[in-house]
Amino acid sequence: MSLGIRILKDRLMKVVIVLLAFATLLPLILLLFTIVKNGIGVVNLKFLISLPKPPGEAGGGILNSIVGTLMLITIASVISVPFGILVGIFLAEVRNRFTELLRLLVNVLQGIPSIVIGIVAYFLVVKPLGGFSALSGGVALGLMMLPMVIKNTEESLKLVPFYLKEASFSLGVNYTRTIWKVVLPTGIGGVLSGILVGLLRITGETAPLLLTAFGNPFLNLNPLKPVDALPLLIFNYAMSPYQDWHRIAWGASFVLITIVFVLTLIARGINQIWKTRF
């Protein structure tokens, strides 16, 4: 085979790879373009700080949904982050049959459909409390977020060099303090990146919230009462017969995509900074 033919084949393969990559990104590009085109003109300060109007009335905002989303994310983080970090440390440091079983259960939990988690949260939290609430929605989202925190914590701590622990042991530091004062601070960048990835996973979830948080057209700060969230608002408004609600749904979609995009940039930044240390 001549050199010219080999160079031609190499260039053709590069063109094919670029075209395939573009074809893969094309649906995402079209989706983002559609959301930005229809939603960016809706978003302004009044839209962000106003409450929804009654059905049929023009105007209104998404303040209740933004506050509800923040409440749900906070409750989910309080539930999943401490427990997830502890389990991740355990999986990274202990190796036996129980950890293998626990790791398998974490993988299974990560693959459970969100609607099933919503049903579980409904029977475990909603029914005992006697009604829908932000707490039940936070529990459902926390269960979805938990496997990601566990797996990212485990993998991050496994990358911490063993000589750091040896140095700590040589100074007479016990095992527990070595984990909390040496290993965890060293791998904290990967742990934080995993937490943000978990937040990305739950920020746009709708199915479990339909069975737990339920939605609320009013501003509510009580975690034991129903709350609205951006995904719920988008779902309900997009299916409504009101044209103005469709406009609000596009605006809320743009706000949600913006939140996800910012969290993605922060997660990638933390991950890149942490990787440069090793």
C-alpha atoms as a PDB file:
ATOM      1  CA  MET A   1       0.000   0.000   0.000  1.00  0.00           C
ATOM      2  CA  SER A   2       1.456   3.329  -1.066  1.00  0.00           C
ATOM      3  CA  LEU A   3       2.031   6.186   1.331  1.00  0.00           C
ATOM      4  CA  GLY A   4      -0.502   8.400  -0.456  1.00  0.00           C
ATOM      5  CA  ILE A   5      -3.324   5.875  -0.042  1.00  0.00           C
ATOM      6  CA  ARG A   6      -2.512   5.453   3.660  1.00  0.00           C
ATOM      7  CA  ILE A   7      -2.591   9.213   4.195  1.00  0.00           C
ATOM      8  CA  LEU A   8      -5.928   9.406   2.322  1.00  0.00           C
ATOM      9  CA  LYS A   9      -7.432   6.667   4.500  1.00  0.00           C
ATOM     10  CA  ASP A  10      -6.202   8.423   7.632  1.00  0.00           C
ATOM     11  CA  ARG A  11      -7.844  11.685   6.597  1.00  0.00           C
ATOM     12  CA  LEU A  12     -11.077   9.946   5.648  1.00  0.00           C
ATOM     13  CA  MET A  13     -11.236   8.277   9.052  1.00  0.00           C
ATOM     14  CA  LYS A  14     -10.703  11.629  10.762  1.00  0.00           C
ATOM     15  CA  VAL A  15     -13.568  13.123   8.753  1.00  0.00           C
ATOM     16  CA  VAL A  16     -15.835  10.182   9.628  1.00  0.00           C
ATOM     17  CA  ILE A  17     -15.003  10.490  13.354  1.00  0.00           C
ATOM     18  CA  VAL A  18     -15.723  14.235  13.324  1.00  0.00           C
ATOM     19  CA  LEU A  19     -19.047  13.685  11.529  1.00  0.00           C
ATOM     20  CA  LEU A  20     -20.086  10.955  13.968  1.00  0.00           C
ATOM     21  CA  ALA A  21     -19.160  13.140  16.923  1.00  0.00           C
ATOM     22  CA  PHE A  22     -21.192  16.002  15.498  1.00  0.00           C
ATOM     23  CA  ALA A  23     -24.140  13.656  14.847  1.00  0.00           C
ATOM     24  CA  THR A  24     -23.997  12.576  18.493  1.00  0.00           C
ATOM     25  CA  LEU A  25     -24.021  16.169  19.726  1.00  0.00           C
ATOM     26  CA  LEU A  26     -26.652  17.380  17.257  1.00  0.00           C
ATOM     27  CA  PRO A  27     -29.728  16.349  19.336  1.00  0.00           C
ATOM     28  CA  LEU A  28     -28.262  18.081  22.409  1.00  0.00           C
ATOM     29  CA  ILE A  29     -27.489  21.207  20.406  1.00  0.00           C
ATOM     30  CA  LEU A  30     -31.025  21.311  18.976  1.00  0.00           C
ATOM     31  CA  LEU A  31     -32.518  20.767  22.428  1.00  0.00           C
ATOM     32  CA  LEU A  32     -30.496  23.564  23.998  1.00  0.00           C
ATOM     33  CA  PHE A  33     -31.204  25.874  21.061  1.00  0.00           C
ATOM     34  CA  THR A  34     -34.952  25.293  21.368  1.00  0.00           C
ATOM     35  CA  ILE A  35     -34.960  25.915  25.138  1.00  0.00           C
ATOM     36  CA  VAL A  36     -32.846  29.063  24.863  1.00  0.00           C
ATOM     37  CA  LYS A  37     -34.864  30.385  21.929  1.00  0.00           C
ATOM     38  CA  ASN A  38     -38.221  29.977  23.699  1.00  0.00           C
ATOM     39  CA  GLY A  39     -37.158  30.594  27.278  1.00  0.00           C
ATOM     40  CA  ILE A  40     -34.577  33.361  27.411  1.00  0.00           C
ATOM     41  CA  GLY A  41     -37.083  36.054  26.492  1.00  0.00           C
ATOM     42  CA  VAL A  42     -39.351  35.037  29.357  1.00  0.00           C
ATOM     43  CA  VAL A  43     -36.779  35.238  32.139  1.00  0.00           C
ATOM     44  CA  ASN A  44     -36.359  38.530  33.990  1.00  0.00           C
ATOM     45  CA  LEU A  45     -36.165  39.676  37.598  1.00  0.00           C
ATOM     46  CA  LYS A  46     -39.956  39.883  37.993  1.00  0.00           C
ATOM     47  CA  PHE A  47     -40.313  36.366  36.604  1.00  0.00           C
ATOM     48  CA  LEU A  48     -37.856  35.039  39.197  1.00  0.00           C
ATOM     49  CA  ILE A  49     -39.316  36.788  42.250  1.00  0.00           C
ATOM     50  CA  SER A  50     -43.061  36.560  41.511  1.00  0.00           C
ATOM     51  CA  LEU A  51     -45.554  33.875  42.456  1.00  0.00           C
ATOM     52  CA  PRO A  52     -47.764  32.124  39.887  1.00  0.00           C
ATOM     53  CA  LYS A  53     -51.030  33.714  38.820  1.00  0.00           C
ATOM     54  CA  PRO A  54     -54.350  31.839  39.001  1.00  0.00           C
ATOM     55  CA  PRO A  55     -55.257  29.746  35.931  1.00  0.00           C
ATOM     56  CA  GLY A  56     -56.285  31.900  33.002  1.00  0.00           C
ATOM     57  CA  GLU A  57     -54.519  35.062  34.201  1.00  0.00           C
ATOM     58  CA  ALA A  58     -51.452  36.289  32.320  1.00  0.00           C
ATOM     59  CA  GLY A  59     -48.129  36.865  34.018  1.00  0.00           C
ATOM     60  CA  GLY A  60     -46.763  35.312  37.154  1.00  0.00           C
ATOM     61  CA  GLY A  61     -43.401  33.852  38.081  1.00  0.00           C
ATOM     62  CA  ILE A  62     -41.655  30.834  39.515  1.00  0.00           C
ATOM     63  CA  LEU A  63     -40.444  31.989  42.942  1.00  0.00           C
ATOM     64  CA  ASN A  64     -42.264  29.169  44.723  1.00  0.00           C
ATOM     65  CA  SER A  65     -40.668  26.595  42.411  1.00  0.00           C
ATOM     66  CA  ILE A  66     -37.159  27.985  42.896  1.00  0.00           C
ATOM     67  CA  VAL A  67     -37.531  28.010  46.686  1.00  0.00           C
ATOM     68  CA  GLY A  68     -39.050  24.520  46.626  1.00  0.00           C
ATOM     69  CA  THR A  69     -36.216  23.190  44.469  1.00  0.00           C
ATOM     70  CA  LEU A  70     -33.640  24.607  46.883  1.00  0.00           C
ATOM     71  CA  MET A  71     -35.485  23.049  49.844  1.00  0.00           C
ATOM     72  CA  LEU A  72     -35.624  19.642  48.169  1.00  0.00           C
ATOM     73  CA  ILE A  73     -31.948  19.741  47.192  1.00  0.00           C
ATOM     74  CA  THR A  74     -30.953  20.807  50.707  1.00  0.00           C
ATOM     75  CA  ILE A  75     -32.942  18.005  52.358  1.00  0.00           C
ATOM     76  CA  ALA A  76     -31.566  15.461  49.887  1.00  0.00           C
ATOM     77  CA  SER A  77     -28.004  16.626  50.532  1.00  0.00           C
ATOM     78  CA  VAL A  78     -28.414  16.486  54.311  1.00  0.00           C
ATOM     79  CA  ILE A  79     -29.617  12.901  53.972  1.00  0.00           C
ATOM     80  CA  SER A  80     -27.232  11.561  51.337  1.00  0.00           C
ATOM     81  CA  VAL A  81     -23.939  13.425  51.778  1.00  0.00           C
ATOM     82  CA  PRO A  82     -22.929  12.406  55.345  1.00  0.00           C
ATOM     83  CA  PHE A  83     -24.156   8.835  54.973  1.00  0.00           C
ATOM     84  CA  GLY A  84     -22.712   8.529  51.472  1.00  0.00           C
ATOM     85  CA  ILE A  85     -19.275   9.736  52.552  1.00  0.00           C
ATOM     86  CA  LEU A  86     -19.216   7.307  55.489  1.00  0.00           C
ATOM     87  CA  VAL A  87     -20.187   4.354  53.303  1.00  0.00           C
ATOM     88  CA  GLY A  88     -17.690   5.437  50.647  1.00  0.00           C
ATOM     89  CA  ILE A  89     -14.886   5.545  53.226  1.00  0.00           C
ATOM     90  CA  PHE A  90     -15.891   2.087  54.447  1.00  0.00           C
ATOM     91  CA  LEU A  91     -15.843   0.623  50.925  1.00  0.00           C
ATOM     92  CA  ALA A  92     -12.488   2.235  50.145  1.00  0.00           C
ATOM     93  CA  GLU A  93     -10.767   1.053  53.329  1.00  0.00           C
ATOM     94  CA  VAL A  94     -12.309  -2.363  54.028  1.00  0.00           C
ATOM     95  CA  ARG A  95     -12.106  -5.353  51.703  1.00  0.00           C
ATOM     96  CA  ASN A  96     -14.182  -8.433  52.524  1.00  0.00           C
ATOM     97  CA  ARG A  97     -17.311 -10.244  51.347  1.00  0.00           C
ATOM     98  CA  PHE A  98     -19.620  -7.794  53.065  1.00  0.00           C
ATOM     99  CA  THR A  99     -18.129  -4.827  51.195  1.00  0.00           C
ATOM    100  CA  GLU A 100     -18.560  -6.678  47.904  1.00  0.00           C
ATOM    101  CA  LEU A 101     -22.229  -7.261  48.737  1.00  0.00           C
ATOM    102  CA  LEU A 102     -22.622  -3.628  49.810  1.00  0.00           C
ATOM    103  CA  ARG A 103     -21.001  -2.428  46.591  1.00  0.00           C
ATOM    104  CA  LEU A 104     -23.422  -4.582  44.603  1.00  0.00           C
ATOM    105  CA  LEU A 105     -26.383  -3.112  46.490  1.00  0.00           C
ATOM    106  CA  VAL A 106     -25.135   0.412  45.753  1.00  0.00           C
ATOM    107  CA  ASN A 107     -24.986  -0.425  42.031  1.00  0.00           C
ATOM    108  CA  VAL A 108     -28.503  -1.865  42.183  1.00  0.00           C
ATOM    109  CA  LEU A 109     -29.801   1.257  43.958  1.00  0.00           C
ATOM    110  CA  GLN A 110     -28.253   3.435  41.274  1.00  0.00           C
ATOM    111  CA  GLY A 111     -30.113   1.503  38.570  1.00  0.00           C
ATOM    112  CA  ILE A 112     -33.566   1.640  40.167  1.00  0.00           C
ATOM    113  CA  PRO A 113     -35.999   3.800  38.128  1.00  0.00           C
ATOM    114  CA  SER A 114     -36.846   7.119  39.739  1.00  0.00           C
ATOM    115  CA  ILE A 115     -40.578   6.407  39.765  1.00  0.00           C
ATOM    116  CA  VAL A 116     -39.954   3.273  41.856  1.00  0.00           C
ATOM    117  CA  ILE A 117     -37.968   5.339  44.361  1.00  0.00           C
ATOM    118  CA  GLY A 118     -40.893   7.757  44.445  1.00  0.00           C
ATOM    119  CA  ILE A 119     -43.291   4.915  45.273  1.00  0.00           C
ATOM    120  CA  VAL A 120     -40.973   3.686  48.039  1.00  0.00           C
ATOM    121  CA  ALA A 121     -40.751   7.199  49.506  1.00  0.00           C
ATOM    122  CA  TYR A 122     -44.541   7.485  49.289  1.00  0.00           C
ATOM    123  CA  PHE A 123     -45.088   4.404  51.460  1.00  0.00           C
ATOM    124  CA  LEU A 124     -42.175   5.114  53.816  1.00  0.00           C
ATOM    125  CA  VAL A 125     -42.679   8.844  54.373  1.00  0.00           C
ATOM    126  CA  VAL A 126     -45.841  10.258  52.791  1.00  0.00           C
ATOM    127  CA  LYS A 127     -48.310   7.773  54.302  1.00  0.00           C
ATOM    128  CA  PRO A 128     -46.832   7.836  57.847  1.00  0.00           C
ATOM    129  CA  LEU A 129     -46.810  11.654  57.811  1.00  0.00           C
ATOM    130  CA  GLY A 130     -50.341  11.759  56.488  1.00  0.00           C
ATOM    131  CA  GLY A 131     -49.642  13.925  53.457  1.00  0.00           C
ATOM    132  CA  PHE A 132     -47.235  15.153  50.804  1.00  0.00           C
ATOM    133  CA  SER A 133     -44.282  17.253  51.912  1.00  0.00           C
ATOM    134  CA  ALA A 134     -40.884  18.638  51.019  1.00  0.00           C
ATOM    135  CA  LEU A 135     -39.382  16.127  53.450  1.00  0.00           C
ATOM    136  CA  SER A 136     -40.751  13.163  51.531  1.00  0.00           C
ATOM    137  CA  GLY A 137     -39.524  14.659  48.254  1.00  0.00           C
ATOM    138  CA  GLY A 138     -36.091  15.255  49.768  1.00  0.00           C
ATOM    139  CA  VAL A 139     -35.953  11.652  50.988  1.00  0.00           C
ATOM    140  CA  ALA A 140     -36.748  10.366  47.488  1.00  0.00           C
ATOM    141  CA  LEU A 141     -34.125  12.581  45.887  1.00  0.00           C
ATOM    142  CA  GLY A 142     -31.635  11.701  48.631  1.00  0.00           C
ATOM    143  CA  LEU A 143     -32.042   7.996  47.823  1.00  0.00           C
ATOM    144  CA  MET A 144     -31.302   8.758  44.182  1.00  0.00           C
ATOM    145  CA  MET A 145     -28.279  10.877  45.045  1.00  0.00           C
ATOM    146  CA  LEU A 146     -26.818   8.451  47.596  1.00  0.00           C
ATOM    147  CA  PRO A 147     -25.179   5.915  45.204  1.00  0.00           C
ATOM    148  CA  MET A 148     -23.300   8.639  43.345  1.00  0.00           C
ATOM    149  CA  VAL A 149     -21.887  10.124  46.536  1.00  0.00           C
ATOM    150  CA  ILE A 150     -20.834   6.662  47.725  1.00  0.00           C
ATOM    151  CA  LYS A 151     -19.152   5.617  44.464  1.00  0.00           C
ATOM    152  CA  ASN A 152     -17.360   8.927  43.908  1.00  0.00           C
ATOM    153  CA  THR A 153     -16.136   8.993  47.508  1.00  0.00           C
ATOM    154  CA  GLU A 154     -14.844   5.426  47.235  1.00  0.00           C
ATOM    155  CA  GLU A 155     -13.030   5.998  43.941  1.00  0.00           C
ATOM    156  CA  SER A 156     -11.577   9.322  45.084  1.00  0.00           C
ATOM    157  CA  LEU A 157     -10.175   7.884  48.308  1.00  0.00           C
ATOM    158  CA  LYS A 158      -8.674   4.922  46.456  1.00  0.00           C
ATOM    159  CA  LEU A 159      -6.550   7.393  44.495  1.00  0.00           C
ATOM    160  CA  VAL A 160      -4.980   8.819  47.652  1.00  0.00           C
ATOM    161  CA  PRO A 161      -1.348   7.561  47.800  1.00  0.00           C
ATOM    162  CA  PHE A 162      -0.756   4.931  50.481  1.00  0.00           C
ATOM    163  CA  TYR A 163       2.465   6.599  51.611  1.00  0.00           C
ATOM    164  CA  LEU A 164       0.404   9.433  53.112  1.00  0.00           C
ATOM    165  CA  LYS A 165      -1.246   6.966  55.463  1.00  0.00           C
ATOM    166  CA  GLU A 166       2.100   5.344  56.220  1.00  0.00           C
ATOM    167  CA  ALA A 167       3.553   8.732  57.116  1.00  0.00           C
ATOM    168  CA  SER A 168       0.632   9.397  59.442  1.00  0.00           C
ATOM    169  CA  PHE A 169       0.951   5.985  61.103  1.00  0.00           C
ATOM    170  CA  SER A 170       4.689   6.508  61.575  1.00  0.00           C
ATOM    171  CA  LEU A 171       3.948   9.640  63.591  1.00  0.00           C
ATOM    172  CA  GLY A 172       1.750   7.636  65.963  1.00  0.00           C
ATOM    173  CA  VAL A 173      -1.598   8.830  64.620  1.00  0.00           C
ATOM    174  CA  ASN A 174      -4.335   6.221  65.007  1.00  0.00           C
ATOM    175  CA  TYR A 175      -6.326   4.819  62.102  1.00  0.00           C
ATOM    176  CA  THR A 176      -9.486   6.881  62.625  1.00  0.00           C
ATOM    177  CA  ARG A 177      -7.673  10.219  62.830  1.00  0.00           C
ATOM    178  CA  THR A 178      -5.589   9.262  59.792  1.00  0.00           C
ATOM    179  CA  ILE A 179      -8.740   8.739  57.759  1.00  0.00           C
ATOM    180  CA  TRP A 180     -10.393  11.986  58.883  1.00  0.00           C
ATOM    181  CA  LYS A 181      -7.300  14.217  58.998  1.00  0.00           C
ATOM    182  CA  VAL A 182      -5.197  12.865  56.129  1.00  0.00           C
ATOM    183  CA  VAL A 183      -7.058  10.639  53.664  1.00  0.00           C
ATOM    184  CA  LEU A 184     -10.381  12.484  53.450  1.00  0.00           C
ATOM    185  CA  PRO A 185      -8.894  16.006  53.160  1.00  0.00           C
ATOM    186  CA  THR A 186      -6.567  14.765  50.428  1.00  0.00           C
ATOM    187  CA  GLY A 187      -9.428  13.316  48.398  1.00  0.00           C
ATOM    188  CA  ILE A 188     -11.942  16.036  49.210  1.00  0.00           C
ATOM    189  CA  GLY A 189     -11.852  17.419  45.648  1.00  0.00           C
ATOM    190  CA  GLY A 190     -13.140  14.180  44.181  1.00  0.00           C
ATOM    191  CA  VAL A 191     -15.718  13.866  46.946  1.00  0.00           C
ATOM    192  CA  LEU A 192     -17.071  17.368  46.278  1.00  0.00           C
ATOM    193  CA  SER A 193     -17.151  16.648  42.565  1.00  0.00           C
ATOM    194  CA  GLY A 194     -19.203  13.520  43.264  1.00  0.00           C
ATOM    195  CA  ILE A 195     -21.637  15.488  45.414  1.00  0.00           C
ATOM    196  CA  LEU A 196     -22.168  17.996  42.616  1.00  0.00           C
ATOM    197  CA  VAL A 197     -22.682  15.178  40.113  1.00  0.00           C
ATOM    198  CA  GLY A 198     -25.326  13.771  42.452  1.00  0.00           C
ATOM    199  CA  LEU A 199     -27.016  17.166  42.613  1.00  0.00           C
ATOM    200  CA  LEU A 200     -27.023  17.271  38.811  1.00  0.00           C
ATOM    201  CA  ARG A 201     -28.724  13.888  38.801  1.00  0.00           C
ATOM    202  CA  ILE A 202     -31.606  14.954  41.036  1.00  0.00           C
ATOM    203  CA  THR A 203     -32.120  18.591  40.041  1.00  0.00           C
ATOM    204  CA  GLY A 204     -34.246  17.772  37.013  1.00  0.00           C
ATOM    205  CA  GLU A 205     -36.122  14.744  38.397  1.00  0.00           C
ATOM    206  CA  THR A 206     -39.905  14.884  38.147  1.00  0.00           C
ATOM    207  CA  ALA A 207     -41.315  11.372  38.617  1.00  0.00           C
ATOM    208  CA  PRO A 208     -40.517  10.893  42.337  1.00  0.00           C
ATOM    209  CA  LEU A 209     -41.757  14.394  43.158  1.00  0.00           C
ATOM    210  CA  LEU A 210     -45.184  13.640  41.716  1.00  0.00           C
ATOM    211  CA  LEU A 211     -45.652  11.103  44.521  1.00  0.00           C
ATOM    212  CA  THR A 212     -43.923  12.998  47.322  1.00  0.00           C
ATOM    213  CA  ALA A 213     -43.614  16.801  47.070  1.00  0.00           C
ATOM    214  CA  PHE A 214     -46.783  16.949  44.921  1.00  0.00           C
ATOM    215  CA  GLY A 215     -46.529  20.678  44.116  1.00  0.00           C
ATOM    216  CA  ASN A 216     -47.799  23.902  45.638  1.00  0.00           C
ATOM    217  CA  PRO A 217     -48.818  27.167  43.878  1.00  0.00           C
ATOM    218  CA  PHE A 218     -47.980  29.138  47.026  1.00  0.00           C
ATOM    219  CA  LEU A 219     -44.647  29.961  48.645  1.00  0.00           C
ATOM    220  CA  ASN A 220     -44.042  27.436  51.422  1.00  0.00           C
ATOM    221  CA  LEU A 221     -41.055  27.158  53.763  1.00  0.00           C
ATOM    222  CA  ASN A 222     -42.456  24.374  55.946  1.00  0.00           C
ATOM    223  CA  PRO A 223     -40.692  21.069  55.099  1.00  0.00           C
ATOM    224  CA  LEU A 224     -43.738  19.125  56.305  1.00  0.00           C
ATOM    225  CA  LYS A 225     -46.014  20.726  53.701  1.00  0.00           C
ATOM    226  CA  PRO A 226     -46.177  20.223  49.908  1.00  0.00           C
ATOM    227  CA  VAL A 227     -43.792  22.313  47.824  1.00  0.00           C
ATOM    228  CA  ASP A 228     -43.360  23.024  44.159  1.00  0.00           C
ATOM    229  CA  ALA A 229     -40.188  22.453  42.156  1.00  0.00           C
ATOM    230  CA  LEU A 230     -38.952  23.528  38.740  1.00  0.00           C
ATOM    231  CA  PRO A 231     -39.377  20.067  37.149  1.00  0.00           C
ATOM    232  CA  LEU A 232     -42.904  19.788  38.562  1.00  0.00           C
ATOM    233  CA  LEU A 233     -43.837  23.245  37.314  1.00  0.00           C
ATOM    234  CA  ILE A 234     -42.498  22.480  33.839  1.00  0.00           C
ATOM    235  CA  PHE A 235     -44.426  19.195  33.713  1.00  0.00           C
ATOM    236  CA  ASN A 236     -47.728  20.665  34.913  1.00  0.00           C
ATOM    237  CA  TYR A 237     -47.555  23.871  32.903  1.00  0.00           C
ATOM    238  CA  ALA A 238     -46.467  22.183  29.684  1.00  0.00           C
ATOM    239  CA  MET A 239     -49.545  19.921  29.823  1.00  0.00           C
ATOM    240  CA  SER A 240     -51.971  22.750  30.600  1.00  0.00           C
ATOM    241  CA  PRO A 241     -54.301  24.310  27.985  1.00  0.00           C
ATOM    242  CA  TYR A 242     -53.136  27.860  28.788  1.00  0.00           C
ATOM    243  CA  GLN A 243     -50.770  29.513  26.347  1.00  0.00           C
ATOM    244  CA  ASP A 244     -49.255  31.744  29.038  1.00  0.00           C
ATOM    245  CA  TRP A 245     -48.437  28.695  31.162  1.00  0.00           C
ATOM    246  CA  HIS A 246     -46.591  27.231  28.191  1.00  0.00           C
ATOM    247  CA  ARG A 247     -44.521  30.413  28.073  1.00  0.00           C
ATOM    248  CA  ILE A 248     -43.729  30.099  31.798  1.00  0.00           C
ATOM    249  CA  ALA A 249     -42.767  26.455  31.286  1.00  0.00           C
ATOM    250  CA  TRP A 250     -40.202  27.490  28.665  1.00  0.00           C
ATOM    251  CA  GLY A 251     -38.803  30.121  31.022  1.00  0.00           C
ATOM    252  CA  ALA A 252     -38.580  27.623  33.876  1.00  0.00           C
ATOM    253  CA  SER A 253     -36.843  25.161  31.534  1.00  0.00           C
ATOM    254  CA  PHE A 254     -34.247  27.799  30.711  1.00  0.00           C
ATOM    255  CA  VAL A 255     -33.664  28.504  34.420  1.00  0.00           C
ATOM    256  CA  LEU A 256     -33.316  24.777  35.165  1.00  0.00           C
ATOM    257  CA  ILE A 257     -30.879  24.229  32.291  1.00  0.00           C
ATOM    258  CA  THR A 258     -28.850  27.213  33.486  1.00  0.00           C
ATOM    259  CA  ILE A 259     -28.633  25.764  37.012  1.00  0.00           C
ATOM    260  CA  VAL A 260     -27.526  22.396  35.624  1.00  0.00           C
ATOM    261  CA  PHE A 261     -24.956  24.056  33.357  1.00  0.00           C
ATOM    262  CA  VAL A 262     -23.455  26.059  36.233  1.00  0.00           C
ATOM    263  CA  LEU A 263     -23.259  22.983  38.469  1.00  0.00           C
ATOM    264  CA  THR A 264     -21.605  21.061  35.628  1.00  0.00           C
ATOM    265  CA  LEU A 265     -18.941  23.731  35.199  1.00  0.00           C
ATOM    266  CA  ILE A 266     -18.267  23.813  38.942  1.00  0.00           C
ATOM    267  CA  ALA A 267     -18.014  20.011  39.110  1.00  0.00           C
ATOM    268  CA  ARG A 268     -15.616  19.852  36.162  1.00  0.00           C
ATOM    269  CA  GLY A 269     -13.533  22.676  37.601  1.00  0.00           C
ATOM    270  CA  ILE A 270     -13.207  20.976  40.983  1.00  0.00           C
ATOM    271  CA  ASN A 271     -12.409  17.672  39.300  1.00  0.00           C
ATOM    272  CA  GLN A 272      -9.690  19.182  37.098  1.00  0.00           C
ATOM    273  CA  ILE A 273      -8.084  21.043  40.008  1.00  0.00           C
ATOM    274  CA  TRP A 274      -8.109  17.890  42.127  1.00  0.00           C
ATOM    275  CA  LYS A 275      -6.621  15.741  39.345  1.00  0.00           C
ATOM    276  CA  THR A 276      -3.625  18.056  39.012  1.00  0.00           C
ATOM    277  CA  ARG A 277      -2.625  17.111  42.573  1.00  0.00           C
ATOM    278  CA  PHE A 278      -1.977  13.489  41.596  1.00  0.00           C
END
